[in-house]
N, C-alpha and C. Protein backbone atom coordinates (compact mmCIF):
# COMPACT_ATOMS: atom_id res chain seq x y z
N MET A 1 20.30 21.32 -21.74
CA MET A 1 19.91 20.93 -20.39
C MET A 1 18.68 21.74 -19.98
N SER A 2 17.62 21.05 -19.57
CA SER A 2 16.40 21.74 -19.18
C SER A 2 16.52 22.23 -17.75
N ALA A 3 15.78 23.30 -17.45
CA ALA A 3 15.80 23.87 -16.11
C ALA A 3 14.98 23.00 -15.17
N LYS A 4 15.40 22.95 -13.91
CA LYS A 4 14.65 22.19 -12.92
C LYS A 4 13.38 22.96 -12.57
N ASP A 5 12.32 22.22 -12.31
CA ASP A 5 11.06 22.82 -11.92
C ASP A 5 11.21 23.55 -10.59
N PHE A 6 10.37 24.54 -10.38
CA PHE A 6 10.37 25.36 -9.18
C PHE A 6 10.31 24.52 -7.90
N PHE A 7 9.55 23.42 -7.94
CA PHE A 7 9.35 22.58 -6.76
C PHE A 7 10.25 21.35 -6.72
N HIS A 8 11.26 21.31 -7.57
CA HIS A 8 12.11 20.12 -7.70
C HIS A 8 12.66 19.65 -6.35
N ASN A 9 13.30 20.54 -5.62
CA ASN A 9 13.94 20.14 -4.36
C ASN A 9 12.93 19.73 -3.31
N ALA A 10 11.76 20.39 -3.29
CA ALA A 10 10.72 20.03 -2.32
C ALA A 10 10.22 18.61 -2.58
N VAL A 11 10.04 18.25 -3.85
CA VAL A 11 9.57 16.91 -4.18
C VAL A 11 10.65 15.88 -3.87
N ARG A 12 11.87 16.21 -4.20
CA ARG A 12 12.98 15.29 -3.91
C ARG A 12 13.05 14.99 -2.41
N LEU A 13 12.99 16.02 -1.59
CA LEU A 13 13.05 15.84 -0.13
C LEU A 13 11.82 15.09 0.38
N ALA A 14 10.66 15.36 -0.19
CA ALA A 14 9.43 14.65 0.21
C ALA A 14 9.56 13.15 -0.08
N LEU A 15 10.11 12.81 -1.23
CA LEU A 15 10.31 11.40 -1.57
C LEU A 15 11.29 10.74 -0.60
N GLU A 16 12.37 11.44 -0.29
CA GLU A 16 13.36 10.89 0.65
C GLU A 16 12.74 10.67 2.03
N LYS A 17 11.90 11.61 2.47
CA LYS A 17 11.21 11.45 3.76
C LYS A 17 10.27 10.24 3.75
N ASP A 18 9.78 9.89 2.56
CA ASP A 18 8.83 8.79 2.40
C ASP A 18 9.54 7.47 2.07
N ASN A 19 10.83 7.40 2.41
CA ASN A 19 11.65 6.18 2.24
C ASN A 19 11.95 5.82 0.80
N TRP A 20 12.11 6.82 -0.05
CA TRP A 20 12.56 6.58 -1.43
C TRP A 20 14.01 7.01 -1.54
N LEU A 21 14.77 6.23 -2.27
CA LEU A 21 16.16 6.56 -2.59
C LEU A 21 16.16 7.18 -3.98
N ILE A 22 16.65 8.40 -4.09
CA ILE A 22 16.74 9.06 -5.40
C ILE A 22 17.92 8.43 -6.13
N THR A 23 17.64 7.78 -7.24
CA THR A 23 18.68 7.09 -8.00
C THR A 23 19.14 7.89 -9.21
N ASN A 24 18.29 8.78 -9.68
CA ASN A 24 18.63 9.58 -10.87
C ASN A 24 18.03 10.98 -10.74
N ASP A 25 18.83 11.99 -11.01
CA ASP A 25 18.37 13.38 -10.96
C ASP A 25 19.13 14.19 -12.00
N PRO A 26 18.68 14.15 -13.25
CA PRO A 26 17.45 13.57 -13.81
C PRO A 26 17.64 12.12 -14.25
N LEU A 27 16.53 11.51 -14.62
CA LEU A 27 16.51 10.16 -15.20
C LEU A 27 16.52 10.35 -16.71
N SER A 28 17.64 10.01 -17.35
CA SER A 28 17.84 10.32 -18.77
C SER A 28 17.79 9.08 -19.65
N PHE A 29 17.18 9.25 -20.82
CA PHE A 29 17.10 8.18 -21.82
C PHE A 29 17.28 8.78 -23.20
N THR A 30 17.76 7.95 -24.13
CA THR A 30 17.80 8.32 -25.54
C THR A 30 17.04 7.26 -26.32
N VAL A 31 16.10 7.71 -27.14
CA VAL A 31 15.31 6.82 -27.98
C VAL A 31 15.39 7.35 -29.41
N ASP A 32 15.93 6.53 -30.31
CA ASP A 32 16.05 6.91 -31.72
C ASP A 32 16.69 8.28 -31.91
N GLY A 33 17.72 8.55 -31.12
CA GLY A 33 18.45 9.80 -31.24
C GLY A 33 17.81 10.98 -30.52
N LEU A 34 16.67 10.77 -29.88
CA LEU A 34 15.99 11.83 -29.13
C LEU A 34 16.30 11.67 -27.65
N ASP A 35 16.67 12.78 -27.01
CA ASP A 35 17.01 12.76 -25.58
C ASP A 35 15.80 13.14 -24.74
N PHE A 36 15.58 12.38 -23.66
CA PHE A 36 14.49 12.63 -22.74
C PHE A 36 15.05 12.69 -21.33
N ARG A 37 14.58 13.65 -20.54
CA ARG A 37 15.03 13.80 -19.15
C ARG A 37 13.83 13.94 -18.24
N ILE A 38 13.53 12.87 -17.53
CA ILE A 38 12.46 12.89 -16.53
C ILE A 38 13.09 13.41 -15.24
N ASP A 39 12.37 14.24 -14.51
CA ASP A 39 12.95 14.95 -13.38
C ASP A 39 13.68 14.05 -12.37
N LEU A 40 13.03 12.97 -11.92
CA LEU A 40 13.64 12.13 -10.89
C LEU A 40 13.38 10.65 -11.15
N GLY A 41 14.35 9.84 -10.78
CA GLY A 41 14.17 8.39 -10.71
C GLY A 41 14.38 8.01 -9.26
N ALA A 42 13.55 7.09 -8.74
CA ALA A 42 13.67 6.70 -7.34
C ALA A 42 13.31 5.24 -7.17
N GLU A 43 13.81 4.69 -6.06
CA GLU A 43 13.54 3.29 -5.72
C GLU A 43 13.26 3.20 -4.23
N ARG A 44 12.32 2.34 -3.86
CA ARG A 44 12.00 2.16 -2.44
C ARG A 44 13.19 1.59 -1.70
N LEU A 45 13.45 2.11 -0.52
CA LEU A 45 14.52 1.59 0.32
C LEU A 45 14.13 0.24 0.89
N LEU A 46 15.12 -0.53 1.27
CA LEU A 46 14.88 -1.85 1.87
C LEU A 46 14.00 -1.71 3.10
N GLY A 47 13.06 -2.62 3.21
CA GLY A 47 12.18 -2.62 4.37
C GLY A 47 10.97 -1.72 4.20
N ALA A 48 10.94 -0.92 3.16
CA ALA A 48 9.80 -0.05 2.93
C ALA A 48 8.62 -0.87 2.41
N GLU A 49 7.46 -0.27 2.44
CA GLU A 49 6.23 -0.97 2.08
C GLU A 49 6.28 -1.61 0.70
N LYS A 50 6.81 -0.91 -0.26
CA LYS A 50 6.87 -1.42 -1.63
C LYS A 50 8.33 -1.60 -2.03
N GLU A 51 9.06 -2.36 -1.26
CA GLU A 51 10.50 -2.57 -1.45
C GLU A 51 10.83 -2.92 -2.89
N GLY A 52 11.83 -2.24 -3.42
CA GLY A 52 12.31 -2.53 -4.77
C GLY A 52 11.51 -1.88 -5.88
N GLN A 53 10.38 -1.26 -5.57
CA GLN A 53 9.58 -0.60 -6.59
C GLN A 53 10.36 0.59 -7.15
N LYS A 54 10.33 0.74 -8.47
CA LYS A 54 11.02 1.85 -9.12
C LYS A 54 10.00 2.80 -9.73
N ILE A 55 10.24 4.09 -9.53
CA ILE A 55 9.35 5.10 -10.10
C ILE A 55 10.16 6.15 -10.85
N ALA A 56 9.46 6.86 -11.71
CA ALA A 56 9.98 8.06 -12.35
C ALA A 56 8.99 9.17 -12.00
N VAL A 57 9.50 10.36 -11.73
CA VAL A 57 8.63 11.46 -11.30
C VAL A 57 8.90 12.68 -12.17
N GLU A 58 7.85 13.15 -12.82
CA GLU A 58 7.91 14.40 -13.57
C GLU A 58 7.19 15.46 -12.73
N ILE A 59 7.90 16.53 -12.40
CA ILE A 59 7.39 17.56 -11.50
C ILE A 59 6.88 18.74 -12.31
N LYS A 60 5.68 19.20 -11.98
CA LYS A 60 5.10 20.36 -12.65
C LYS A 60 4.60 21.35 -11.61
N SER A 61 4.95 22.62 -11.80
CA SER A 61 4.60 23.66 -10.84
C SER A 61 3.24 24.30 -11.10
N PHE A 62 2.80 24.35 -12.34
CA PHE A 62 1.56 25.02 -12.72
C PHE A 62 1.56 26.47 -12.24
N LEU A 63 2.66 27.17 -12.46
CA LEU A 63 2.78 28.57 -12.07
C LEU A 63 2.58 29.52 -13.25
N GLY A 64 2.28 28.98 -14.44
CA GLY A 64 2.06 29.82 -15.61
C GLY A 64 0.72 30.53 -15.55
N GLN A 65 0.43 31.31 -16.57
CA GLN A 65 -0.80 32.10 -16.57
C GLN A 65 -2.05 31.28 -16.83
N SER A 66 -1.92 30.16 -17.53
CA SER A 66 -3.08 29.35 -17.87
C SER A 66 -2.90 27.92 -17.36
N GLU A 67 -3.78 27.54 -16.44
CA GLU A 67 -3.72 26.17 -15.92
C GLU A 67 -4.00 25.16 -17.02
N VAL A 68 -4.89 25.51 -17.95
CA VAL A 68 -5.23 24.61 -19.06
C VAL A 68 -4.00 24.38 -19.94
N THR A 69 -3.29 25.45 -20.28
CA THR A 69 -2.08 25.32 -21.09
C THR A 69 -1.03 24.50 -20.36
N GLU A 70 -0.84 24.76 -19.09
CA GLU A 70 0.12 23.99 -18.29
C GLU A 70 -0.27 22.51 -18.27
N PHE A 71 -1.58 22.24 -18.18
CA PHE A 71 -2.06 20.86 -18.17
C PHE A 71 -1.79 20.19 -19.51
N HIS A 72 -2.02 20.92 -20.61
CA HIS A 72 -1.73 20.36 -21.94
C HIS A 72 -0.27 19.93 -22.03
N ILE A 73 0.61 20.80 -21.58
CA ILE A 73 2.05 20.51 -21.63
C ILE A 73 2.38 19.30 -20.74
N ALA A 74 1.86 19.31 -19.52
CA ALA A 74 2.13 18.21 -18.58
C ALA A 74 1.60 16.88 -19.11
N LEU A 75 0.41 16.89 -19.69
CA LEU A 75 -0.18 15.66 -20.22
C LEU A 75 0.65 15.12 -21.37
N GLY A 76 1.00 15.98 -22.32
CA GLY A 76 1.81 15.54 -23.45
C GLY A 76 3.15 14.99 -23.02
N GLN A 77 3.79 15.69 -22.12
CA GLN A 77 5.09 15.26 -21.62
C GLN A 77 4.97 13.92 -20.89
N THR A 78 3.95 13.78 -20.07
CA THR A 78 3.74 12.55 -19.33
C THR A 78 3.51 11.37 -20.26
N LEU A 79 2.69 11.57 -21.29
CA LEU A 79 2.43 10.49 -22.24
C LEU A 79 3.70 10.10 -22.99
N ASN A 80 4.49 11.09 -23.40
CA ASN A 80 5.76 10.80 -24.07
C ASN A 80 6.70 10.03 -23.15
N TYR A 81 6.83 10.48 -21.92
CA TYR A 81 7.74 9.82 -20.98
C TYR A 81 7.28 8.40 -20.67
N ARG A 82 5.98 8.20 -20.60
CA ARG A 82 5.48 6.85 -20.36
C ARG A 82 5.87 5.92 -21.51
N SER A 83 5.82 6.44 -22.75
CA SER A 83 6.24 5.65 -23.92
C SER A 83 7.73 5.33 -23.86
N VAL A 84 8.53 6.31 -23.45
CA VAL A 84 9.98 6.10 -23.30
C VAL A 84 10.24 5.01 -22.27
N LEU A 85 9.58 5.10 -21.13
CA LEU A 85 9.78 4.10 -20.08
C LEU A 85 9.34 2.71 -20.54
N ARG A 86 8.27 2.64 -21.30
CA ARG A 86 7.82 1.34 -21.81
C ARG A 86 8.91 0.68 -22.65
N LYS A 87 9.68 1.48 -23.39
CA LYS A 87 10.77 0.96 -24.22
C LYS A 87 12.03 0.66 -23.40
N LYS A 88 12.36 1.53 -22.47
CA LYS A 88 13.65 1.47 -21.79
C LYS A 88 13.62 0.82 -20.41
N GLU A 89 12.60 1.09 -19.62
CA GLU A 89 12.50 0.53 -18.27
C GLU A 89 11.03 0.24 -17.97
N PRO A 90 10.50 -0.82 -18.56
CA PRO A 90 9.06 -1.09 -18.44
C PRO A 90 8.56 -1.35 -17.02
N ASN A 91 9.45 -1.67 -16.10
CA ASN A 91 9.02 -1.91 -14.72
C ASN A 91 8.98 -0.64 -13.88
N ARG A 92 9.39 0.48 -14.44
CA ARG A 92 9.39 1.75 -13.70
C ARG A 92 8.06 2.45 -13.93
N ILE A 93 7.43 2.90 -12.86
CA ILE A 93 6.11 3.55 -12.92
C ILE A 93 6.29 5.06 -12.92
N LEU A 94 5.59 5.74 -13.84
CA LEU A 94 5.70 7.19 -13.97
C LEU A 94 4.59 7.89 -13.19
N TYR A 95 5.00 8.89 -12.41
CA TYR A 95 4.07 9.74 -11.68
C TYR A 95 4.26 11.19 -12.09
N LEU A 96 3.16 11.91 -12.18
CA LEU A 96 3.19 13.36 -12.38
C LEU A 96 3.04 13.98 -11.00
N ALA A 97 4.06 14.74 -10.57
CA ALA A 97 4.04 15.37 -9.25
C ALA A 97 3.48 16.78 -9.37
N ILE A 98 2.45 17.05 -8.56
CA ILE A 98 1.82 18.37 -8.55
C ILE A 98 1.58 18.81 -7.11
N GLY A 99 1.53 20.11 -6.91
CA GLY A 99 1.28 20.64 -5.58
C GLY A 99 -0.15 20.40 -5.13
N ASN A 100 -0.34 20.32 -3.82
CA ASN A 100 -1.66 20.07 -3.25
C ASN A 100 -2.67 21.15 -3.62
N GLU A 101 -2.22 22.39 -3.68
CA GLU A 101 -3.12 23.50 -4.00
C GLU A 101 -3.68 23.38 -5.41
N ILE A 102 -2.82 23.13 -6.41
CA ILE A 102 -3.30 23.00 -7.79
C ILE A 102 -4.13 21.73 -7.93
N TYR A 103 -3.81 20.71 -7.16
CA TYR A 103 -4.61 19.49 -7.19
C TYR A 103 -6.05 19.81 -6.77
N LYS A 104 -6.20 20.52 -5.66
CA LYS A 104 -7.54 20.84 -5.15
C LYS A 104 -8.27 21.84 -6.04
N GLU A 105 -7.56 22.81 -6.59
CA GLU A 105 -8.20 23.87 -7.38
C GLU A 105 -8.48 23.48 -8.82
N PHE A 106 -7.66 22.62 -9.41
CA PHE A 106 -7.78 22.34 -10.84
C PHE A 106 -7.97 20.85 -11.14
N PHE A 107 -7.18 20.01 -10.54
CA PHE A 107 -7.20 18.59 -10.89
C PHE A 107 -8.46 17.86 -10.42
N LEU A 108 -9.24 18.46 -9.54
CA LEU A 108 -10.49 17.84 -9.09
C LEU A 108 -11.69 18.28 -9.93
N ILE A 109 -11.48 19.15 -10.90
CA ILE A 109 -12.55 19.54 -11.83
C ILE A 109 -12.97 18.27 -12.58
N PRO A 110 -14.28 18.00 -12.66
CA PRO A 110 -14.74 16.75 -13.28
C PRO A 110 -14.15 16.46 -14.66
N PHE A 111 -14.07 17.45 -15.54
CA PHE A 111 -13.53 17.19 -16.88
C PHE A 111 -12.05 16.80 -16.80
N ILE A 112 -11.30 17.43 -15.93
CA ILE A 112 -9.88 17.10 -15.76
C ILE A 112 -9.77 15.68 -15.19
N GLN A 113 -10.65 15.33 -14.25
CA GLN A 113 -10.67 13.97 -13.70
C GLN A 113 -10.94 12.94 -14.80
N GLU A 114 -11.82 13.28 -15.75
CA GLU A 114 -12.11 12.38 -16.87
C GLU A 114 -10.86 12.15 -17.72
N ILE A 115 -10.12 13.22 -17.98
CA ILE A 115 -8.89 13.11 -18.78
C ILE A 115 -7.85 12.26 -18.04
N ILE A 116 -7.72 12.50 -16.75
CA ILE A 116 -6.77 11.73 -15.94
C ILE A 116 -7.13 10.24 -15.99
N ALA A 117 -8.42 9.94 -15.86
CA ALA A 117 -8.86 8.54 -15.90
C ALA A 117 -8.66 7.95 -17.30
N GLU A 118 -9.00 8.71 -18.33
CA GLU A 118 -8.86 8.24 -19.71
C GLU A 118 -7.42 7.85 -20.02
N HIS A 119 -6.48 8.65 -19.55
CA HIS A 119 -5.06 8.41 -19.84
C HIS A 119 -4.34 7.65 -18.72
N GLN A 120 -5.09 7.26 -17.70
CA GLN A 120 -4.56 6.48 -16.58
C GLN A 120 -3.31 7.12 -15.97
N LEU A 121 -3.41 8.43 -15.73
CA LEU A 121 -2.29 9.15 -15.13
C LEU A 121 -2.19 8.82 -13.65
N LYS A 122 -0.97 8.68 -13.19
CA LYS A 122 -0.70 8.47 -11.78
C LYS A 122 -0.14 9.79 -11.23
N LEU A 123 -0.70 10.23 -10.12
CA LEU A 123 -0.32 11.52 -9.55
C LEU A 123 0.35 11.34 -8.19
N LEU A 124 1.33 12.19 -7.96
CA LEU A 124 1.97 12.32 -6.66
C LEU A 124 1.66 13.74 -6.22
N ILE A 125 0.86 13.89 -5.17
CA ILE A 125 0.48 15.22 -4.71
C ILE A 125 1.34 15.55 -3.49
N PHE A 126 1.97 16.73 -3.53
CA PHE A 126 2.91 17.09 -2.47
C PHE A 126 2.57 18.45 -1.87
N GLU A 127 3.05 18.65 -0.66
CA GLU A 127 2.97 19.93 0.03
C GLU A 127 4.37 20.52 0.03
N ALA A 128 4.57 21.58 -0.75
CA ALA A 128 5.91 22.12 -0.97
C ALA A 128 6.55 22.67 0.30
N ILE A 129 5.80 23.42 1.07
CA ILE A 129 6.38 24.06 2.26
C ILE A 129 6.83 23.02 3.28
N LYS A 130 5.99 22.00 3.49
CA LYS A 130 6.33 20.94 4.44
C LYS A 130 7.25 19.89 3.84
N GLN A 131 7.41 19.94 2.51
CA GLN A 131 8.22 18.95 1.78
C GLN A 131 7.74 17.54 2.11
N GLU A 132 6.42 17.35 1.93
CA GLU A 132 5.80 16.07 2.24
C GLU A 132 4.89 15.62 1.11
N ILE A 133 4.76 14.32 0.98
CA ILE A 133 3.81 13.76 0.03
C ILE A 133 2.46 13.68 0.73
N VAL A 134 1.44 14.25 0.10
CA VAL A 134 0.10 14.28 0.66
C VAL A 134 -0.69 13.05 0.22
N LEU A 135 -0.52 12.67 -1.06
CA LEU A 135 -1.35 11.61 -1.62
C LEU A 135 -0.68 10.99 -2.84
N TRP A 136 -0.77 9.67 -2.94
CA TRP A 136 -0.41 8.95 -4.16
C TRP A 136 -1.73 8.60 -4.82
N LYS A 137 -1.96 9.08 -6.02
CA LYS A 137 -3.24 8.85 -6.71
C LYS A 137 -2.98 7.92 -7.88
N GLU A 138 -3.47 6.69 -7.78
CA GLU A 138 -3.23 5.67 -8.81
C GLU A 138 -4.29 5.73 -9.88
């Protein structure tokens, strides 16, 4: 069992405030005998803007010593999880959840933006203290 990310509860509460129903915590799949656990699965509540939309959210804190190393890990994990979802739940959209501070300090660097665009990563930017979603980046 993997440990929950430092910001797990903040992201969960932010999603709930934004009219998402948490359906899985974690969202687990097995592919060819390999187990995968994405941090959260959620679905839009009835009457919400994107009713019935299903998402998976992988939360990353970026609290390690090297932002580049943390990014390598997050990118690899996100790409693997996207492949798992393509096999198991192709209608579920994967988001990488990151804090607003790391988004502004690291994810807006032009080279990092190029990598995000190249791999078509979807980001959920959150404010941990307020437990709010700041931005959905498609």
